[in-house]
Amino acid sequence: MGRKRVHDEATGEVLLDEALTLLRAGGPPAVSVRAVAEAAGTSARAVYTVFGSMPGMLDALARRGYDRLTALVNGVAPTADPAADLVTAGVHGFRTFALEEPALFRLTFEQVSAELLARDAVMRAGYDSYRALRARVRRLREAGGVHPGRTDEACCFAFHATCQGLGASELATWRPPDGPGFWPMLDPAVDLGPVWRDTLTGLVERFRHPPAD
């Protein structure tokens, strides 16, 4: 009689690797229990044992997205200019995440649900990414770059929303089959990195001033 196969954390990582590969190739519709199990060379039972359900596996993918963003933001080495560092965190963090993992970026930020955010593990990962950004904002505040009338939460929200919008908009410029080809008048060879920097620099500069009434 053979030994009972144990579906552990290592199995979960293999399943997530395959799920991410499927997500990259075909978006969320391509990620099914059967497809992931077959790609990983295991059974559907393994998916249910490790993740509990298909939504549970998507939650785990979203956690990977938040973890990736956290690592990118934290990977920006601090300099003597906290304002420039915050801008770089946006370009290096959010833009890199969006361009390197577009499907995961969309899943993490555009296809997030209340049910997903209600899961403790996802919420913790999301909060870790928030804390990474907040640390940059607080350093800017300590240097006098944030007006006392502005809260860290409001600054983080504005910065995150701007980065998410820039990321989604840049991905929308990609030509089919990678994207819808929005902004067809825009030369696809144009580097939008300077647009990110200009936009975020203006926003961060505004943090020094009192909020509008």
Protein backbone atom coordinates (compact mmCIF):
# COMPACT_ATOMS: atom_id res chain seq x y z
CA MET A 1 0.00 0.00 0.00
CA GLY A 2 1.50 3.31 -1.04
CA ARG A 3 2.08 6.19 1.32
CA LYS A 4 -0.51 8.91 1.42
CA ARG A 5 0.71 11.93 -0.52
CA VAL A 6 1.06 15.05 1.60
CA HIS A 7 0.06 18.33 0.03
CA ASP A 8 2.18 20.83 1.92
CA GLU A 9 3.51 24.34 1.51
CA ALA A 10 5.95 23.21 -1.16
CA THR A 11 3.06 21.76 -3.15
CA GLY A 12 1.25 25.06 -2.75
CA GLU A 13 4.19 26.99 -4.18
CA VAL A 14 4.33 24.69 -7.21
CA LEU A 15 0.60 25.11 -7.76
CA LEU A 16 0.91 28.89 -7.47
CA ASP A 17 3.80 28.93 -9.93
CA GLU A 18 1.64 27.09 -12.46
CA ALA A 19 -1.40 29.26 -11.69
CA LEU A 20 0.69 32.37 -12.30
CA THR A 21 1.93 30.95 -15.62
CA LEU A 22 -1.68 30.35 -16.68
CA LEU A 23 -2.69 33.80 -15.45
CA ARG A 24 0.06 35.42 -17.51
CA ALA A 25 -1.01 33.53 -20.61
CA GLY A 26 -4.78 33.94 -20.43
CA GLY A 27 -5.83 36.06 -17.48
CA PRO A 28 -8.14 34.86 -14.67
CA PRO A 29 -10.38 32.79 -17.01
CA ALA A 30 -7.38 30.55 -17.78
CA VAL A 31 -6.86 29.70 -14.12
CA SER A 32 -9.03 26.73 -13.19
CA VAL A 33 -8.59 23.97 -10.66
CA ARG A 34 -8.20 21.35 -13.39
CA ALA A 35 -5.79 23.41 -15.49
CA VAL A 36 -3.55 24.23 -12.53
CA ALA A 37 -3.56 20.63 -11.28
CA GLU A 38 -2.69 19.27 -14.71
CA ALA A 39 0.09 21.80 -15.21
CA ALA A 40 1.55 20.90 -11.82
CA GLY A 41 1.27 17.18 -12.47
CA THR A 42 -1.01 16.58 -9.54
CA SER A 43 -4.70 16.16 -8.75
CA ALA A 44 -7.53 18.61 -8.25
CA ARG A 45 -7.68 17.35 -4.69
CA ALA A 46 -4.25 18.91 -4.12
CA VAL A 47 -5.61 22.32 -5.07
CA TYR A 48 -8.56 21.98 -2.73
CA THR A 49 -6.39 20.59 0.07
CA VAL A 50 -3.89 23.44 -0.09
CA PHE A 51 -6.16 26.38 -0.94
CA GLY A 52 -9.63 25.20 0.04
CA SER A 53 -11.24 26.50 -3.14
CA MET A 54 -10.61 28.17 -6.46
CA PRO A 55 -11.13 31.64 -4.91
CA GLY A 56 -8.62 30.63 -2.26
CA MET A 57 -6.01 30.03 -4.93
CA LEU A 58 -6.74 33.41 -6.53
CA ASP A 59 -6.36 34.96 -3.08
CA ALA A 60 -2.93 33.38 -2.81
CA LEU A 61 -2.02 34.86 -6.19
CA ALA A 62 -3.16 38.28 -5.02
CA ARG A 63 -0.95 37.89 -1.96
CA ARG A 64 1.95 37.28 -4.31
CA GLY A 65 1.10 40.51 -6.04
CA TYR A 66 1.11 42.53 -2.83
CA ASP A 67 4.32 40.82 -1.73
CA ARG A 68 5.96 41.67 -5.05
CA LEU A 69 4.99 45.33 -4.74
CA THR A 70 6.22 45.47 -1.15
CA ALA A 71 9.59 44.02 -2.14
CA LEU A 72 9.97 46.49 -5.02
CA VAL A 73 9.10 49.53 -2.90
CA ASN A 74 11.34 48.41 -0.06
CA GLY A 75 14.10 47.73 -2.58
CA VAL A 76 14.56 51.43 -3.33
CA ALA A 77 17.64 52.49 -1.38
CA PRO A 78 17.14 55.72 0.59
CA THR A 79 19.11 58.80 -0.43
CA ALA A 80 19.41 62.29 0.97
CA ASP A 81 16.31 63.29 -1.01
CA PRO A 82 13.18 61.62 0.44
CA ALA A 83 10.93 63.31 -2.14
CA ALA A 84 12.91 61.81 -5.01
CA ASP A 85 12.97 58.49 -3.18
CA LEU A 86 9.17 58.47 -2.98
CA VAL A 87 8.91 59.17 -6.71
CA THR A 88 11.41 56.40 -7.42
CA ALA A 89 9.43 54.03 -5.22
CA GLY A 90 6.44 54.70 -7.45
CA VAL A 91 8.32 54.21 -10.70
CA HIS A 92 10.46 51.30 -9.55
CA GLY A 93 7.70 49.75 -7.47
CA PHE A 94 4.34 50.23 -9.13
CA ARG A 95 5.50 50.65 -12.73
CA THR A 96 7.90 47.73 -12.60
CA PHE A 97 5.21 45.55 -11.09
CA ALA A 98 2.69 46.58 -13.75
CA LEU A 99 5.03 46.07 -16.70
CA GLU A 100 6.64 42.85 -15.48
CA GLU A 101 3.46 41.21 -14.17
CA PRO A 102 0.51 42.86 -15.96
CA ALA A 103 -1.96 40.04 -15.30
CA LEU A 104 -1.01 39.88 -11.63
CA PHE A 105 -1.18 43.68 -11.38
CA ARG A 106 -4.71 43.63 -12.76
CA LEU A 107 -5.74 40.78 -10.48
CA THR A 108 -4.28 42.48 -7.42
CA PHE A 109 -5.67 45.96 -7.97
CA GLU A 110 -8.40 45.92 -10.60
CA GLN A 111 -10.15 42.63 -9.90
CA VAL A 112 -9.98 42.75 -6.12
CA SER A 113 -13.19 41.87 -4.30
CA ALA A 114 -14.62 42.40 -0.84
CA GLU A 115 -14.45 38.66 -0.30
CA LEU A 116 -10.75 38.62 -1.16
CA LEU A 117 -9.94 41.53 1.15
CA ALA A 118 -11.89 39.86 3.96
CA ARG A 119 -9.29 37.08 4.07
CA ASP A 120 -6.70 37.71 6.75
CA ALA A 121 -3.69 36.58 4.73
CA VAL A 122 -4.59 38.85 1.81
CA MET A 123 -5.32 41.77 4.11
CA ARG A 124 -1.97 41.34 5.87
CA ALA A 125 -0.10 41.26 2.56
CA GLY A 126 -1.97 44.31 1.33
CA TYR A 127 -1.23 46.15 4.56
CA ASP A 128 2.45 45.29 4.25
CA SER A 129 2.51 47.01 0.87
CA TYR A 130 0.74 50.01 2.43
CA ARG A 131 3.28 50.17 5.26
CA ALA A 132 6.14 50.14 2.75
CA LEU A 133 4.64 53.19 1.06
CA ARG A 134 3.74 54.87 4.35
CA ALA A 135 7.35 54.56 5.53
CA ARG A 136 8.40 56.62 2.50
CA VAL A 137 5.74 59.24 3.20
CA ARG A 138 6.72 59.50 6.86
CA ARG A 139 10.35 59.98 5.93
CA LEU A 140 9.26 62.80 3.63
CA ARG A 141 7.22 64.29 6.47
CA GLU A 142 10.21 64.18 8.82
CA ALA A 143 12.16 66.15 6.23
CA GLY A 144 9.45 68.82 6.09
CA GLY A 145 8.01 67.66 2.79
CA VAL A 146 4.44 67.03 3.99
CA HIS A 147 2.15 69.80 5.22
CA PRO A 148 0.82 69.26 8.78
CA GLY A 149 -2.70 69.50 7.40
CA ARG A 150 -2.19 66.34 5.36
CA THR A 151 -2.39 62.88 6.90
CA ASP A 152 -0.14 60.00 5.96
CA GLU A 153 -3.21 58.03 4.93
CA ALA A 154 -4.40 60.73 2.53
CA CYS A 155 -0.94 61.07 0.99
CA CYS A 156 -0.62 57.30 0.57
CA PHE A 157 -4.07 57.11 -0.99
CA ALA A 158 -3.29 59.88 -3.50
CA PHE A 159 0.07 58.37 -4.37
CA HIS A 160 -1.24 54.83 -4.69
CA ALA A 161 -4.25 55.92 -6.75
CA THR A 162 -2.02 57.91 -9.10
CA CYS A 163 0.37 54.98 -9.56
CA GLN A 164 -2.47 52.53 -10.08
CA GLY A 165 -4.03 54.83 -12.67
CA LEU A 166 -0.74 55.32 -14.48
CA GLY A 167 -0.08 51.59 -14.45
CA ALA A 168 -3.52 50.64 -15.73
CA SER A 169 -3.37 53.35 -18.39
CA GLU A 170 0.07 52.29 -19.61
CA LEU A 171 -1.04 48.66 -19.85
CA ALA A 172 -4.08 49.83 -21.80
CA THR A 173 -1.76 51.29 -24.47
CA TRP A 174 -0.38 47.83 -25.27
CA ARG A 175 -1.46 46.51 -28.65
CA PRO A 176 -3.50 43.31 -28.96
CA PRO A 177 -3.20 40.59 -27.86
CA ASP A 178 -1.43 42.06 -24.82
CA GLY A 179 -3.82 44.97 -24.39
CA PRO A 180 -6.69 46.86 -26.00
CA GLY A 181 -4.46 49.33 -27.83
CA PHE A 182 -5.97 52.38 -26.16
CA TRP A 183 -4.27 55.67 -27.06
CA PRO A 184 -3.56 54.51 -30.65
CA MET A 185 -2.22 57.98 -31.39
CA LEU A 186 0.63 57.31 -28.95
CA ASP A 187 3.83 55.94 -30.47
CA PRO A 188 4.25 52.47 -28.93
CA ALA A 189 8.00 53.03 -28.83
CA VAL A 190 7.67 56.01 -26.50
CA ASP A 191 9.05 55.43 -23.00
CA LEU A 192 6.40 56.51 -20.50
CA GLY A 193 8.82 56.42 -17.59
CA PRO A 194 9.38 60.20 -17.74
CA VAL A 195 5.60 60.71 -17.66
CA TRP A 196 5.48 58.71 -14.44
CA ARG A 197 8.30 60.75 -12.93
CA ASP A 198 6.84 64.10 -13.96
CA THR A 199 3.39 63.19 -12.66
CA LEU A 200 4.59 61.78 -9.35
CA THR A 201 7.08 64.60 -8.84
CA GLY A 202 4.25 67.13 -9.18
CA LEU A 203 2.08 65.18 -6.74
CA VAL A 204 4.84 64.81 -4.15
CA GLU A 205 5.67 68.49 -4.46
CA ARG A 206 2.03 69.29 -3.75
CA PHE A 207 2.26 67.41 -0.44
CA ARG A 208 4.29 70.33 0.92
CA HIS A 209 1.32 72.65 0.61
CA PRO A 210 -1.96 72.71 2.53
CA PRO A 211 -4.78 70.61 1.09
CA ALA A 212 -7.33 72.36 -1.08
CA ASP A 213 -10.61 73.39 0.54
